[in-house]
Amino acid sequence: MYAPRIAAAVALSTVFLAAGCSHPQARAAADTTVTLEFGGLQRQYIIHYPADRPSGKLPAVLAFHGGGGSARNMASAFGFDQLSDANGFIAVYPDGYERSWNDGRGDDTNAGAAGIDDVGFVAAVIDRIIANDGVDPARVYATGMSNGGMFTEHLGCHLSNKLAAIAPVAGPLPQTDQSACTPSHPLPVLEIHGTADPIVPYDGGVVRVTSGHRGPGSSPVLSVDATQQLWRRQNACDAATTTQLPQRADDGTSVTVQSSDCAGGAKVQLYVVTNGGHTWPDGSQYLPQALVGKVTHQFDGSAVIWQFLSQFHT
């Protein structure tokens, strides 16, 4: 039986699993919604071009919404359009099936229960933006939160041939991927996770509120530490070094960064947000702490993600 606060969180999952509601911004008039037929379905994604588009082929960041969310939620909530304009990359926001992603956990999500081939859909999106939008195939990146974060991990295992690096937030690797994670190259990975996340446990186990309104989860995720160990092993990494971020806000959180250098110039990095919740770093406290935990303001999650991703190419 759910505790009362978790039951309340289920009712509000459309709101809080969609996005952390950080960096509110107006939509750019030039943004385009693209429809792509895949797997017998009409799938969509939003694409944002930088305001002053540089010449030549550009990197692209695919950003995946959380369960109950949408591409538009993701585009308006996390500030990647602003980063795109400032840094000259293309931001792409795919829409999940019935507001969810098949992240490998089976019927814990609507997309998983329906057997949706989301890996194939993302591969088709990448092929299309490379062919039609001037995207550099060597600089395609993925990030996401919650169900979108777990899906980002899943893509790292099963679509690494099309990705240069990944950055999941509040989304460890689904346990079902543990023995089937076979990236084709050393894949740089940045993870961000709060130790007090009440939804996706830092120490692993069943996700306490699942995406897509399917109730309690049944398929566990690895702990954050076990996920890091898997990526370090896959990437033949050195031992991790640990540093503490300087405090820049009195918000009850602190941040430790673990970093490993790996084969082929890859890196595996983890931002441990001590006392942080199921939230986006430097975002808003979009629901009470009793439901989702604390937001850290010790660093800007979106900026750190782009800074990490942009170092790498295939």
C-alpha atoms as a PDB file:
ATOM      1  CA  MET A   1       0.000   0.000   0.000  1.00  0.00           C
ATOM      2  CA  TYR A   2       1.256   3.484  -0.827  1.00  0.00           C
ATOM      3  CA  ALA A   3       2.080   5.882   1.950  1.00  0.00           C
ATOM      4  CA  PRO A   4      -0.237   8.941   1.765  1.00  0.00           C
ATOM      5  CA  ARG A   5       2.357  11.234   0.229  1.00  0.00           C
ATOM      6  CA  ILE A   6       3.195   8.703  -2.470  1.00  0.00           C
ATOM      7  CA  ALA A   7      -0.487   8.172  -3.250  1.00  0.00           C
ATOM      8  CA  ALA A   8      -0.821  11.911  -3.670  1.00  0.00           C
ATOM      9  CA  ALA A   9       2.211  11.900  -5.910  1.00  0.00           C
ATOM     10  CA  VAL A  10       0.568   9.303  -8.159  1.00  0.00           C
ATOM     11  CA  ALA A  11      -2.386  11.617  -8.693  1.00  0.00           C
ATOM     12  CA  LEU A  12      -0.027  14.433  -9.639  1.00  0.00           C
ATOM     13  CA  SER A  13       2.373  12.408 -11.765  1.00  0.00           C
ATOM     14  CA  THR A  14       1.363  14.166 -14.975  1.00  0.00           C
ATOM     15  CA  VAL A  15       2.758  17.357 -13.507  1.00  0.00           C
ATOM     16  CA  PHE A  16       5.923  16.372 -11.735  1.00  0.00           C
ATOM     17  CA  LEU A  17       7.250  13.512 -13.813  1.00  0.00           C
ATOM     18  CA  ALA A  18       6.826  15.624 -16.925  1.00  0.00           C
ATOM     19  CA  ALA A  19       9.599  18.039 -16.020  1.00  0.00           C
ATOM     20  CA  GLY A  20      11.190  19.895 -13.172  1.00  0.00           C
ATOM     21  CA  CYS A  21       9.767  23.172 -14.471  1.00  0.00           C
ATOM     22  CA  SER A  22      13.101  24.947 -14.508  1.00  0.00           C
ATOM     23  CA  HIS A  23      14.043  27.804 -16.802  1.00  0.00           C
ATOM     24  CA  PRO A  24      10.556  28.840 -18.031  1.00  0.00           C
ATOM     25  CA  GLN A  25      10.789  30.442 -21.441  1.00  0.00           C
ATOM     26  CA  ALA A  26       8.670  31.523 -24.391  1.00  0.00           C
ATOM     27  CA  ARG A  27       8.524  29.167 -27.342  1.00  0.00           C
ATOM     28  CA  ALA A  28      10.418  30.336 -30.398  1.00  0.00           C
ATOM     29  CA  ALA A  29       8.204  30.980 -33.422  1.00  0.00           C
ATOM     30  CA  ALA A  30      10.694  29.164 -35.669  1.00  0.00           C
ATOM     31  CA  ASP A  31      10.392  25.871 -33.796  1.00  0.00           C
ATOM     32  CA  THR A  32       8.932  23.074 -35.891  1.00  0.00           C
ATOM     33  CA  THR A  33       6.808  20.071 -34.941  1.00  0.00           C
ATOM     34  CA  VAL A  34       7.664  17.150 -37.201  1.00  0.00           C
ATOM     35  CA  THR A  35       5.466  14.086 -37.727  1.00  0.00           C
ATOM     36  CA  LEU A  36       7.221  10.821 -38.485  1.00  0.00           C
ATOM     37  CA  GLU A  37       5.417   7.591 -39.274  1.00  0.00           C
ATOM     38  CA  PHE A  38       7.140   4.757 -37.464  1.00  0.00           C
ATOM     39  CA  GLY A  39       5.935   1.336 -36.365  1.00  0.00           C
ATOM     40  CA  GLY A  40       2.464   2.006 -37.711  1.00  0.00           C
ATOM     41  CA  LEU A  41       2.104   5.126 -35.545  1.00  0.00           C
ATOM     42  CA  GLN A  42       2.244   8.832 -36.218  1.00  0.00           C
ATOM     43  CA  ARG A  43       5.076   9.955 -33.933  1.00  0.00           C
ATOM     44  CA  GLN A  44       6.179  13.547 -33.374  1.00  0.00           C
ATOM     45  CA  TYR A  45       9.108  15.606 -32.210  1.00  0.00           C
ATOM     46  CA  ILE A  46       9.805  19.323 -31.813  1.00  0.00           C
ATOM     47  CA  ILE A  47      13.019  20.708 -33.284  1.00  0.00           C
ATOM     48  CA  HIS A  48      14.597  24.011 -32.245  1.00  0.00           C
ATOM     49  CA  TYR A  49      17.273  25.637 -34.391  1.00  0.00           C
ATOM     50  CA  PRO A  50      19.693  28.124 -32.795  1.00  0.00           C
ATOM     51  CA  ALA A  51      18.630  31.732 -33.324  1.00  0.00           C
ATOM     52  CA  ASP A  52      21.872  32.618 -35.120  1.00  0.00           C
ATOM     53  CA  ARG A  53      22.534  29.364 -36.890  1.00  0.00           C
ATOM     54  CA  PRO A  54      26.243  28.765 -37.545  1.00  0.00           C
ATOM     55  CA  SER A  55      27.370  27.434 -40.902  1.00  0.00           C
ATOM     56  CA  GLY A  56      28.253  23.798 -41.280  1.00  0.00           C
ATOM     57  CA  LYS A  57      26.879  20.724 -39.568  1.00  0.00           C
ATOM     58  CA  LEU A  58      25.677  21.216 -36.001  1.00  0.00           C
ATOM     59  CA  PRO A  59      25.528  19.024 -32.908  1.00  0.00           C
ATOM     60  CA  ALA A  60      22.109  17.929 -31.656  1.00  0.00           C
ATOM     61  CA  VAL A  61      20.779  17.226 -28.158  1.00  0.00           C
ATOM     62  CA  LEU A  62      17.775  14.915 -27.899  1.00  0.00           C
ATOM     63  CA  ALA A  63      15.919  15.666 -24.646  1.00  0.00           C
ATOM     64  CA  PHE A  64      13.398  13.113 -23.366  1.00  0.00           C
ATOM     65  CA  HIS A  65      10.508  14.119 -21.109  1.00  0.00           C
ATOM     66  CA  GLY A  66       9.493  12.221 -18.005  1.00  0.00           C
ATOM     67  CA  GLY A  67       6.477   9.984 -17.645  1.00  0.00           C
ATOM     68  CA  GLY A  68       3.230  11.919 -17.949  1.00  0.00           C
ATOM     69  CA  GLY A  69       5.041  14.675 -19.835  1.00  0.00           C
ATOM     70  CA  SER A  70       5.388  15.713 -23.444  1.00  0.00           C
ATOM     71  CA  ALA A  71       7.860  17.181 -25.881  1.00  0.00           C
ATOM     72  CA  ARG A  72       6.365  20.626 -25.297  1.00  0.00           C
ATOM     73  CA  ASN A  73       6.811  20.250 -21.523  1.00  0.00           C
ATOM     74  CA  MET A  74      10.443  19.331 -22.026  1.00  0.00           C
ATOM     75  CA  ALA A  75      11.042  22.157 -24.486  1.00  0.00           C
ATOM     76  CA  SER A  76       9.574  24.808 -22.209  1.00  0.00           C
ATOM     77  CA  ALA A  77      10.923  23.599 -18.886  1.00  0.00           C
ATOM     78  CA  PHE A  78      14.647  22.965 -18.962  1.00  0.00           C
ATOM     79  CA  GLY A  79      16.281  25.787 -20.856  1.00  0.00           C
ATOM     80  CA  PHE A  80      17.811  23.820 -23.703  1.00  0.00           C
ATOM     81  CA  ASP A  81      16.442  26.258 -26.282  1.00  0.00           C
ATOM     82  CA  GLN A  82      18.380  29.058 -24.584  1.00  0.00           C
ATOM     83  CA  LEU A  83      21.505  26.901 -24.504  1.00  0.00           C
ATOM     84  CA  SER A  84      20.949  26.054 -28.162  1.00  0.00           C
ATOM     85  CA  ASP A  85      20.814  29.743 -29.080  1.00  0.00           C
ATOM     86  CA  ALA A  86      23.918  30.531 -27.027  1.00  0.00           C
ATOM     87  CA  ASN A  87      26.008  27.552 -28.140  1.00  0.00           C
ATOM     88  CA  GLY A  88      24.866  26.724 -31.647  1.00  0.00           C
ATOM     89  CA  PHE A  89      23.362  23.257 -31.324  1.00  0.00           C
ATOM     90  CA  ILE A  90      19.991  21.878 -32.418  1.00  0.00           C
ATOM     91  CA  ALA A  91      17.604  20.856 -29.629  1.00  0.00           C
ATOM     92  CA  VAL A  92      15.219  17.986 -30.365  1.00  0.00           C
ATOM     93  CA  TYR A  93      12.279  17.010 -28.147  1.00  0.00           C
ATOM     94  CA  PRO A  94      10.615  13.713 -29.085  1.00  0.00           C
ATOM     95  CA  ASP A  95       7.126  12.827 -27.849  1.00  0.00           C
ATOM     96  CA  GLY A  96       6.655   9.541 -26.050  1.00  0.00           C
ATOM     97  CA  TYR A  97       3.834   7.067 -26.641  1.00  0.00           C
ATOM     98  CA  GLU A  98       0.927   7.955 -24.358  1.00  0.00           C
ATOM     99  CA  ARG A  99       3.279  10.305 -22.478  1.00  0.00           C
ATOM    100  CA  SER A 100       5.825   7.590 -21.696  1.00  0.00           C
ATOM    101  CA  TRP A 101       8.902   5.777 -22.993  1.00  0.00           C
ATOM    102  CA  ASN A 102       9.638   2.090 -23.289  1.00  0.00           C
ATOM    103  CA  ASP A 103      12.765   2.275 -21.136  1.00  0.00           C
ATOM    104  CA  GLY A 104      13.286  -1.475 -20.907  1.00  0.00           C
ATOM    105  CA  ARG A 105      11.305  -2.059 -17.702  1.00  0.00           C
ATOM    106  CA  GLY A 106       8.469  -3.853 -19.482  1.00  0.00           C
ATOM    107  CA  ASP A 107       4.890  -3.000 -18.554  1.00  0.00           C
ATOM    108  CA  ASP A 108       5.883  -0.380 -15.952  1.00  0.00           C
ATOM    109  CA  THR A 109       5.088   2.249 -18.608  1.00  0.00           C
ATOM    110  CA  ASN A 110       2.321   2.559 -21.185  1.00  0.00           C
ATOM    111  CA  ALA A 111       4.919   2.412 -23.965  1.00  0.00           C
ATOM    112  CA  GLY A 112       6.505  -0.672 -22.451  1.00  0.00           C
ATOM    113  CA  ALA A 113       3.166  -2.423 -21.981  1.00  0.00           C
ATOM    114  CA  ALA A 114       2.318  -1.746 -25.631  1.00  0.00           C
ATOM    115  CA  GLY A 115       5.699  -3.045 -26.806  1.00  0.00           C
ATOM    116  CA  ILE A 116       6.557   0.236 -28.524  1.00  0.00           C
ATOM    117  CA  ASP A 117       9.888   0.217 -30.348  1.00  0.00           C
ATOM    118  CA  ASP A 118      11.129   3.529 -28.966  1.00  0.00           C
ATOM    119  CA  VAL A 119      14.767   2.692 -29.681  1.00  0.00           C
ATOM    120  CA  GLY A 120      13.839   2.271 -33.336  1.00  0.00           C
ATOM    121  CA  PHE A 121      11.826   5.496 -33.257  1.00  0.00           C
ATOM    122  CA  VAL A 122      14.770   7.467 -31.875  1.00  0.00           C
ATOM    123  CA  ALA A 123      17.093   5.914 -34.449  1.00  0.00           C
ATOM    124  CA  ALA A 124      14.678   7.079 -37.163  1.00  0.00           C
ATOM    125  CA  VAL A 125      14.561  10.595 -35.681  1.00  0.00           C
ATOM    126  CA  ILE A 126      18.363  10.747 -35.642  1.00  0.00           C
ATOM    127  CA  ASP A 127      18.590   9.553 -39.233  1.00  0.00           C
ATOM    128  CA  ARG A 128      16.047  12.176 -40.275  1.00  0.00           C
ATOM    129  CA  ILE A 129      17.688  15.133 -38.546  1.00  0.00           C
ATOM    130  CA  ILE A 130      21.046  14.125 -40.018  1.00  0.00           C
ATOM    131  CA  ALA A 131      19.540  13.913 -43.508  1.00  0.00           C
ATOM    132  CA  ASN A 132      17.241  16.969 -43.338  1.00  0.00           C
ATOM    133  CA  ASP A 133      18.529  19.369 -40.692  1.00  0.00           C
ATOM    134  CA  GLY A 134      22.283  19.557 -41.073  1.00  0.00           C
ATOM    135  CA  VAL A 135      23.083  17.582 -37.914  1.00  0.00           C
ATOM    136  CA  ASP A 136      26.604  16.229 -37.496  1.00  0.00           C
ATOM    137  CA  PRO A 137      26.265  12.432 -37.071  1.00  0.00           C
ATOM    138  CA  ALA A 138      29.367  12.422 -34.858  1.00  0.00           C
ATOM    139  CA  ARG A 139      27.813  14.832 -32.348  1.00  0.00           C
ATOM    140  CA  VAL A 140      24.373  13.521 -31.401  1.00  0.00           C
ATOM    141  CA  TYR A 141      23.647  13.453 -27.667  1.00  0.00           C
ATOM    142  CA  ALA A 142      20.810  12.314 -25.394  1.00  0.00           C
ATOM    143  CA  THR A 143      19.515  13.491 -22.039  1.00  0.00           C
ATOM    144  CA  GLY A 144      16.284  13.097 -20.073  1.00  0.00           C
ATOM    145  CA  MET A 145      14.700  13.008 -16.646  1.00  0.00           C
ATOM    146  CA  SER A 146      12.992  10.200 -14.717  1.00  0.00           C
ATOM    147  CA  ASN A 147      11.360   7.847 -17.274  1.00  0.00           C
ATOM    148  CA  GLY A 148      13.219   9.935 -19.876  1.00  0.00           C
ATOM    149  CA  GLY A 149      16.450   9.461 -17.899  1.00  0.00           C
ATOM    150  CA  MET A 150      16.019   5.693 -17.689  1.00  0.00           C
ATOM    151  CA  PHE A 151      15.237   5.688 -21.401  1.00  0.00           C
ATOM    152  CA  THR A 152      18.436   7.663 -22.018  1.00  0.00           C
ATOM    153  CA  GLU A 153      20.369   4.922 -20.185  1.00  0.00           C
ATOM    154  CA  HIS A 154      18.529   2.311 -22.275  1.00  0.00           C
ATOM    155  CA  LEU A 155      19.528   4.131 -25.462  1.00  0.00           C
ATOM    156  CA  GLY A 156      23.133   4.170 -24.294  1.00  0.00           C
ATOM    157  CA  CYS A 157      23.040   0.394 -24.139  1.00  0.00           C
ATOM    158  CA  HIS A 158      21.143  -0.221 -27.388  1.00  0.00           C
ATOM    159  CA  LEU A 159      21.735   2.789 -29.669  1.00  0.00           C
ATOM    160  CA  SER A 160      25.300   3.800 -28.862  1.00  0.00           C
ATOM    161  CA  ASN A 161      26.265   3.588 -32.533  1.00  0.00           C
ATOM    162  CA  LYS A 162      24.248   6.794 -33.079  1.00  0.00           C
ATOM    163  CA  LEU A 163      25.145   8.614 -29.843  1.00  0.00           C
ATOM    164  CA  ALA A 164      28.320  10.409 -28.818  1.00  0.00           C
ATOM    165  CA  ALA A 165      27.408  10.782 -25.105  1.00  0.00           C
ATOM    166  CA  ILE A 166      24.435  10.599 -22.722  1.00  0.00           C
ATOM    167  CA  ALA A 167      23.346  12.472 -19.582  1.00  0.00           C
ATOM    168  CA  PRO A 168      20.452  10.933 -17.617  1.00  0.00           C
ATOM    169  CA  VAL A 169      18.909  12.805 -14.665  1.00  0.00           C
ATOM    170  CA  ALA A 170      17.072  10.917 -11.884  1.00  0.00           C
ATOM    171  CA  GLY A 171      17.133   7.789 -14.030  1.00  0.00           C
ATOM    172  CA  PRO A 172      19.481   4.871 -13.260  1.00  0.00           C
ATOM    173  CA  LEU A 173      19.818   1.911 -15.586  1.00  0.00           C
ATOM    174  CA  PRO A 174      16.837  -0.494 -15.581  1.00  0.00           C
ATOM    175  CA  GLN A 175      17.919  -3.803 -14.070  1.00  0.00           C
ATOM    176  CA  THR A 176      16.716  -5.597 -17.203  1.00  0.00           C
ATOM    177  CA  ASP A 177      19.547  -3.923 -19.133  1.00  0.00           C
ATOM    178  CA  GLN A 178      22.289  -5.037 -16.767  1.00  0.00           C
ATOM    179  CA  SER A 179      23.329  -8.114 -18.743  1.00  0.00           C
ATOM    180  CA  ALA A 180      22.333  -6.787 -22.174  1.00  0.00           C
ATOM    181  CA  CYS A 181      24.137  -3.453 -22.183  1.00  0.00           C
ATOM    182  CA  THR A 182      26.555  -3.657 -25.085  1.00  0.00           C
ATOM    183  CA  PRO A 183      27.579  -0.193 -26.290  1.00  0.00           C
ATOM    184  CA  SER A 184      29.510  -0.229 -29.545  1.00  0.00           C
ATOM    185  CA  HIS A 185      32.142   2.233 -28.323  1.00  0.00           C
ATOM    186  CA  PRO A 186      33.314   3.765 -25.024  1.00  0.00           C
ATOM    187  CA  LEU A 187      30.292   5.948 -24.277  1.00  0.00           C
ATOM    188  CA  PRO A 188      30.707   9.083 -22.129  1.00  0.00           C
ATOM    189  CA  VAL A 189      28.046   9.171 -19.412  1.00  0.00           C
ATOM    190  CA  LEU A 190      27.066  11.941 -17.003  1.00  0.00           C
ATOM    191  CA  GLU A 191      24.531  11.025 -14.319  1.00  0.00           C
ATOM    192  CA  ILE A 192      22.807  13.393 -11.891  1.00  0.00           C
ATOM    193  CA  HIS A 193      20.790  12.013  -8.983  1.00  0.00           C
ATOM    194  CA  GLY A 194      19.579  13.122  -5.571  1.00  0.00           C
ATOM    195  CA  THR A 195      20.248  10.883  -2.583  1.00  0.00           C
ATOM    196  CA  ALA A 196      16.786  11.680  -1.158  1.00  0.00           C
ATOM    197  CA  ASP A 197      14.828  11.095  -4.371  1.00  0.00           C
ATOM    198  CA  PRO A 198      11.458   9.729  -3.148  1.00  0.00           C
ATOM    199  CA  ILE A 199      10.386   8.508  -6.603  1.00  0.00           C
ATOM    200  CA  VAL A 200      13.405   6.827  -8.225  1.00  0.00           C
ATOM    201  CA  PRO A 201      15.475   5.501  -5.305  1.00  0.00           C
ATOM    202  CA  TYR A 202      19.168   6.371  -5.292  1.00  0.00           C
ATOM    203  CA  ASP A 203      19.871   2.907  -3.878  1.00  0.00           C
ATOM    204  CA  GLY A 204      17.880   1.179  -6.600  1.00  0.00           C
ATOM    205  CA  GLY A 205      14.777  -0.988  -6.502  1.00  0.00           C
ATOM    206  CA  VAL A 206      11.251  -0.451  -7.700  1.00  0.00           C
ATOM    207  CA  VAL A 207      10.369   3.004  -8.959  1.00  0.00           C
ATOM    208  CA  ARG A 208       7.771   4.252  -6.506  1.00  0.00           C
ATOM    209  CA  VAL A 209       5.686   6.194  -8.967  1.00  0.00           C
ATOM    210  CA  THR A 210       5.861   5.039 -12.539  1.00  0.00           C
ATOM    211  CA  SER A 211       5.395   6.939 -15.732  1.00  0.00           C
ATOM    212  CA  GLY A 212       2.347   6.804 -17.924  1.00  0.00           C
ATOM    213  CA  HIS A 213      -0.142   6.425 -15.017  1.00  0.00           C
ATOM    214  CA  ARG A 214       0.264   2.675 -14.622  1.00  0.00           C
ATOM    215  CA  GLY A 215       0.467   2.720 -10.835  1.00  0.00           C
ATOM    216  CA  PRO A 216       3.244   1.123  -8.769  1.00  0.00           C
ATOM    217  CA  GLY A 217       6.242  -0.184 -10.651  1.00  0.00           C
ATOM    218  CA  SER A 218       7.345  -3.814 -10.559  1.00  0.00           C
ATOM    219  CA  SER A 219      10.603  -3.894 -12.527  1.00  0.00           C
ATOM    220  CA  PRO A 220      13.534  -2.475 -10.527  1.00  0.00           C
ATOM    221  CA  VAL A 221      16.315  -0.138 -11.506  1.00  0.00           C
ATOM    222  CA  LEU A 222      19.937  -0.530 -10.469  1.00  0.00           C
ATOM    223  CA  SER A 223      21.305   1.715  -7.768  1.00  0.00           C
ATOM    224  CA  VAL A 224      23.105   4.810  -8.958  1.00  0.00           C
ATOM    225  CA  ASP A 225      26.402   3.366  -7.729  1.00  0.00           C
ATOM    226  CA  ALA A 226      25.796   0.071  -9.557  1.00  0.00           C
ATOM    227  CA  THR A 227      24.884   1.984 -12.716  1.00  0.00           C
ATOM    228  CA  GLN A 228      28.128   3.925 -12.468  1.00  0.00           C
ATOM    229  CA  GLN A 229      30.096   0.719 -11.933  1.00  0.00           C
ATOM    230  CA  LEU A 230      28.524  -0.789 -15.036  1.00  0.00           C
ATOM    231  CA  TRP A 231      29.458   2.179 -17.223  1.00  0.00           C
ATOM    232  CA  ARG A 232      32.964   2.331 -15.803  1.00  0.00           C
ATOM    233  CA  ARG A 233      33.422  -1.352 -16.496  1.00  0.00           C
ATOM    234  CA  GLN A 234      31.994  -1.083 -20.019  1.00  0.00           C
ATOM    235  CA  ASN A 235      34.230   1.904 -20.772  1.00  0.00           C
ATOM    236  CA  ALA A 236      37.419   0.518 -19.182  1.00  0.00           C
ATOM    237  CA  CYS A 237      37.683   3.509 -16.845  1.00  0.00           C
ATOM    238  CA  ASP A 238      40.284   4.482 -14.281  1.00  0.00           C
ATOM    239  CA  ALA A 239      39.362   4.737 -10.618  1.00  0.00           C
ATOM    240  CA  ALA A 240      37.051   7.651  -9.889  1.00  0.00           C
ATOM    241  CA  THR A 241      38.260  10.854  -8.298  1.00  0.00           C
ATOM    242  CA  THR A 242      35.923  12.806  -6.016  1.00  0.00           C
ATOM    243  CA  THR A 243      35.542  16.556  -5.596  1.00  0.00           C
ATOM    244  CA  GLN A 244      33.066  18.721  -3.714  1.00  0.00           C
ATOM    245  CA  LEU A 245      31.315  21.594  -5.453  1.00  0.00           C
ATOM    246  CA  PRO A 246      31.567  24.887  -3.574  1.00  0.00           C
ATOM    247  CA  GLN A 247      28.354  25.900  -1.822  1.00  0.00           C
ATOM    248  CA  ARG A 248      26.582  28.675  -3.690  1.00  0.00           C
ATOM    249  CA  ALA A 249      23.140  28.454  -2.027  1.00  0.00           C
ATOM    250  CA  ASP A 250      21.786  27.711   1.433  1.00  0.00           C
ATOM    251  CA  ASP A 251      19.224  25.148   0.288  1.00  0.00           C
ATOM    252  CA  GLY A 252      20.060  22.118   2.436  1.00  0.00           C
ATOM    253  CA  THR A 253      21.865  20.289  -0.382  1.00  0.00           C
ATOM    254  CA  SER A 254      25.479  19.695  -1.306  1.00  0.00           C
ATOM    255  CA  VAL A 255      27.041  18.167  -4.411  1.00  0.00           C
ATOM    256  CA  THR A 256      29.874  15.687  -4.826  1.00  0.00           C
ATOM    257  CA  VAL A 257      31.283  14.975  -8.277  1.00  0.00           C
ATOM    258  CA  GLN A 258      32.792  11.588  -9.079  1.00  0.00           C
ATOM    259  CA  SER A 259      34.748  11.439 -12.331  1.00  0.00           C
ATOM    260  CA  SER A 260      36.584   8.698 -14.208  1.00  0.00           C
ATOM    261  CA  ASP A 261      38.725   8.887 -17.332  1.00  0.00           C
ATOM    262  CA  CYS A 262      38.013   6.014 -19.693  1.00  0.00           C
ATOM    263  CA  ALA A 263      39.150   4.290 -22.863  1.00  0.00           C
ATOM    264  CA  GLY A 264      38.999   6.222 -26.108  1.00  0.00           C
ATOM    265  CA  GLY A 265      38.895   9.595 -24.339  1.00  0.00           C
ATOM    266  CA  ALA A 266      35.493   8.896 -22.771  1.00  0.00           C
ATOM    267  CA  LYS A 267      34.500   9.939 -19.254  1.00  0.00           C
ATOM    268  CA  VAL A 268      32.008   8.653 -16.717  1.00  0.00           C
ATOM    269  CA  GLN A 269      30.831  11.274 -14.257  1.00  0.00           C
ATOM    270  CA  LEU A 270      28.299  11.423 -11.436  1.00  0.00           C
ATOM    271  CA  TYR A 271      26.856  14.449  -9.662  1.00  0.00           C
ATOM    272  CA  VAL A 272      25.626  13.172  -6.286  1.00  0.00           C
ATOM    273  CA  VAL A 273      23.143  15.686  -4.885  1.00  0.00           C
ATOM    274  CA  THR A 274      23.125  14.996  -1.163  1.00  0.00           C
ATOM    275  CA  ASN A 275      19.574  15.575   0.184  1.00  0.00           C
ATOM    276  CA  GLY A 276      18.383  16.304  -3.369  1.00  0.00           C
ATOM    277  CA  GLY A 277      15.027  15.032  -4.559  1.00  0.00           C
ATOM    278  CA  HIS A 278      13.319  14.050  -7.801  1.00  0.00           C
ATOM    279  CA  THR A 279      14.078  17.451  -9.245  1.00  0.00           C
ATOM    280  CA  TRP A 280      16.119  19.260 -11.885  1.00  0.00           C
ATOM    281  CA  PRO A 281      19.227  21.077 -10.568  1.00  0.00           C
ATOM    282  CA  ASP A 282      18.642  24.836 -10.370  1.00  0.00           C
ATOM    283  CA  GLY A 283      15.000  24.336 -11.307  1.00  0.00           C
ATOM    284  CA  SER A 284      11.935  25.404  -9.377  1.00  0.00           C
ATOM    285  CA  GLN A 285      10.352  23.656  -6.406  1.00  0.00           C
ATOM    286  CA  TYR A 286       7.513  22.601  -8.691  1.00  0.00           C
ATOM    287  CA  LEU A 287       5.726  20.551  -6.010  1.00  0.00           C
ATOM    288  CA  PRO A 288       6.137  20.474  -2.218  1.00  0.00           C
ATOM    289  CA  GLN A 289       9.246  18.849  -0.827  1.00  0.00           C
ATOM    290  CA  ALA A 290       7.043  16.256   0.872  1.00  0.00           C
ATOM    291  CA  LEU A 291       6.185  14.899  -2.584  1.00  0.00           C
ATOM    292  CA  VAL A 292       9.339  15.296  -4.663  1.00  0.00           C
ATOM    293  CA  GLY A 293      12.148  16.352  -2.336  1.00  0.00           C
ATOM    294  CA  LYS A 294      14.470  19.330  -2.513  1.00  0.00           C
ATOM    295  CA  VAL A 295      15.789  21.211  -5.526  1.00  0.00           C
ATOM    296  CA  THR A 296      19.505  21.914  -5.455  1.00  0.00           C
ATOM    297  CA  HIS A 297      20.711  25.333  -6.535  1.00  0.00           C
ATOM    298  CA  GLN A 298      24.391  24.439  -6.248  1.00  0.00           C
ATOM    299  CA  PHE A 299      24.699  24.129 -10.045  1.00  0.00           C
ATOM    300  CA  ASP A 300      22.690  24.600 -13.235  1.00  0.00           C
ATOM    301  CA  GLY A 301      21.836  21.110 -14.442  1.00  0.00           C
ATOM    302  CA  SER A 302      21.196  22.028 -18.078  1.00  0.00           C
ATOM    303  CA  ALA A 303      24.408  24.027 -18.423  1.00  0.00           C
ATOM    304  CA  VAL A 304      26.478  21.252 -16.814  1.00  0.00           C
ATOM    305  CA  ILE A 305      24.888  18.679 -19.134  1.00  0.00           C
ATOM    306  CA  TRP A 306      25.719  20.669 -22.261  1.00  0.00           C
ATOM    307  CA  GLN A 307      29.249  21.390 -21.025  1.00  0.00           C
ATOM    308  CA  PHE A 308      29.789  17.646 -20.531  1.00  0.00           C
ATOM    309  CA  LEU A 309      28.159  16.432 -23.749  1.00  0.00           C
ATOM    310  CA  SER A 310      29.825  18.983 -25.981  1.00  0.00           C
ATOM    311  CA  GLN A 311      33.303  17.599 -25.225  1.00  0.00           C
ATOM    312  CA  PHE A 312      32.684  14.404 -27.169  1.00  0.00           C
ATOM    313  CA  HIS A 313      32.200  13.124 -30.691  1.00  0.00           C
ATOM    314  CA  THR A 314      32.189   9.657 -32.188  1.00  0.00           C
END
